[in-house]
């Protein structure tokens, strides 16, 4: 009925390994972003871990720093999310067995 069940299980395990490998690789993908004026810069990984934050010395207003930090982090995390989703979808799709009627990744 389902063909080679052990073959499908092997493919699922391969898919899981590809996903895990992709997650590890995404830790090495760095995304740099900054506020509009460049006074706050952030670096995050594609797995959405903050690696660094740089604040220009001329910024002294706490609220201004917070606003610029939010802007830069949201931009970087949005890009990280897009990259992560795309890469993990590819890893999952490439490793999935062909099960009739289960076209989850069109």
Protein backbone atom coordinates (compact mmCIF):
# COMPACT_ATOMS: atom_id res chain seq x y z
CA UNK A 1 0.00 0.00 0.00
CA UNK A 2 2.71 2.50 0.95
CA UNK A 3 5.53 0.96 -1.07
CA UNK A 4 8.88 0.63 0.62
CA UNK A 5 8.11 1.77 4.18
CA UNK A 6 11.70 1.36 5.35
CA UNK A 7 12.88 3.42 2.37
CA UNK A 8 10.45 6.18 3.31
CA UNK A 9 11.64 6.10 6.92
CA UNK A 10 15.22 6.40 5.70
CA UNK A 11 14.25 9.40 3.57
CA UNK A 12 12.53 11.03 6.54
CA UNK A 13 15.66 10.54 8.65
CA UNK A 14 17.75 12.05 5.86
CA UNK A 15 15.35 15.01 5.71
CA UNK A 16 15.66 15.52 9.46
CA UNK A 17 19.46 15.42 9.19
CA UNK A 18 19.38 17.96 6.34
CA UNK A 19 17.22 20.25 8.45
CA UNK A 20 19.59 19.94 11.42
CA UNK A 21 22.61 20.59 9.17
CA UNK A 22 20.86 23.63 7.71
CA UNK A 23 20.12 24.99 11.20
CA UNK A 24 23.81 24.67 12.10
CA UNK A 25 24.83 26.39 8.87
CA UNK A 26 22.36 29.22 9.51
CA UNK A 27 24.29 30.00 12.69
CA UNK A 28 27.17 31.04 10.43
CA UNK A 29 25.05 33.28 8.18
CA UNK A 30 25.40 36.84 9.50
CA UNK A 31 22.97 39.65 8.74
CA UNK A 32 24.07 43.24 9.30
CA UNK A 33 21.48 45.99 9.60
CA UNK A 34 21.42 49.54 10.83
CA UNK A 35 19.01 52.31 11.69
CA UNK A 36 18.19 54.75 8.88
CA UNK A 37 20.97 57.14 9.88
CA UNK A 38 23.47 54.36 10.62
CA UNK A 39 23.96 55.36 14.25
CA UNK A 40 22.88 51.94 15.53
CA UNK A 41 24.18 48.77 13.87
CA UNK A 42 23.30 45.19 14.68
CA UNK A 43 24.47 41.79 13.51
CA UNK A 44 22.29 38.70 13.89
CA UNK A 45 22.54 35.14 12.62
CA UNK A 46 19.97 33.64 10.29
CA UNK A 47 18.87 31.66 13.37
CA UNK A 48 17.93 35.00 14.94
CA UNK A 49 20.68 35.21 17.55
CA UNK A 50 22.06 38.69 18.19
CA UNK A 51 25.83 38.67 17.68
CA UNK A 52 26.68 42.36 18.10
CA UNK A 53 25.24 45.81 18.67
CA UNK A 54 27.10 49.02 17.93
CA UNK A 55 25.84 52.44 19.04
CA UNK A 56 27.46 55.65 17.79
CA UNK A 57 29.02 57.72 20.55
CA UNK A 58 27.09 60.84 19.55
CA UNK A 59 23.83 59.13 20.52
CA UNK A 60 23.14 60.02 24.12
CA UNK A 61 19.36 60.16 24.30
CA UNK A 62 18.06 56.90 25.80
CA UNK A 63 14.75 56.98 23.91
CA UNK A 64 16.49 57.72 20.62
CA UNK A 65 18.88 54.80 21.16
CA UNK A 66 15.98 52.49 21.99
CA UNK A 67 14.04 53.58 18.89
CA UNK A 68 17.02 53.10 16.58
CA UNK A 69 17.82 49.76 18.19
CA UNK A 70 14.27 48.51 17.65
CA UNK A 71 14.36 49.62 14.00
CA UNK A 72 17.70 47.94 13.29
CA UNK A 73 16.85 44.72 15.14
CA UNK A 74 13.45 44.38 13.47
CA UNK A 75 15.00 44.80 10.02
CA UNK A 76 17.74 42.27 10.76
CA UNK A 77 15.38 39.74 12.35
CA UNK A 78 12.95 40.04 9.45
CA UNK A 79 15.73 39.24 6.98
CA UNK A 80 16.95 36.40 9.22
CA UNK A 81 13.45 34.94 9.34
CA UNK A 82 13.10 35.08 5.55
CA UNK A 83 16.46 33.37 5.02
CA UNK A 84 15.79 30.74 7.68
CA UNK A 85 12.32 29.85 6.38
CA UNK A 86 13.57 29.62 2.80
CA UNK A 87 16.60 27.45 3.63
CA UNK A 88 14.69 25.11 5.96
CA UNK A 89 11.89 24.67 3.41
CA UNK A 90 14.45 23.67 0.79
CA UNK A 91 16.11 21.22 3.19
CA UNK A 92 12.78 19.67 4.14
CA UNK A 93 11.49 19.45 0.57
CA UNK A 94 14.69 17.91 -0.79
CA UNK A 95 14.63 15.13 1.79
CA UNK A 96 10.97 14.22 1.82
CA UNK A 97 9.92 10.92 0.29
CA UNK A 98 7.40 11.01 -2.52
CA UNK A 99 4.17 9.95 -0.80
CA UNK A 100 1.16 10.07 -3.12
CA UNK A 101 -1.35 12.71 -2.01
CA UNK A 102 1.12 14.34 0.39
CA UNK A 103 2.29 17.30 -1.69
CA UNK A 104 2.95 19.55 1.32
CA UNK A 105 5.76 21.58 -0.27
CA UNK A 106 4.43 22.78 -3.60
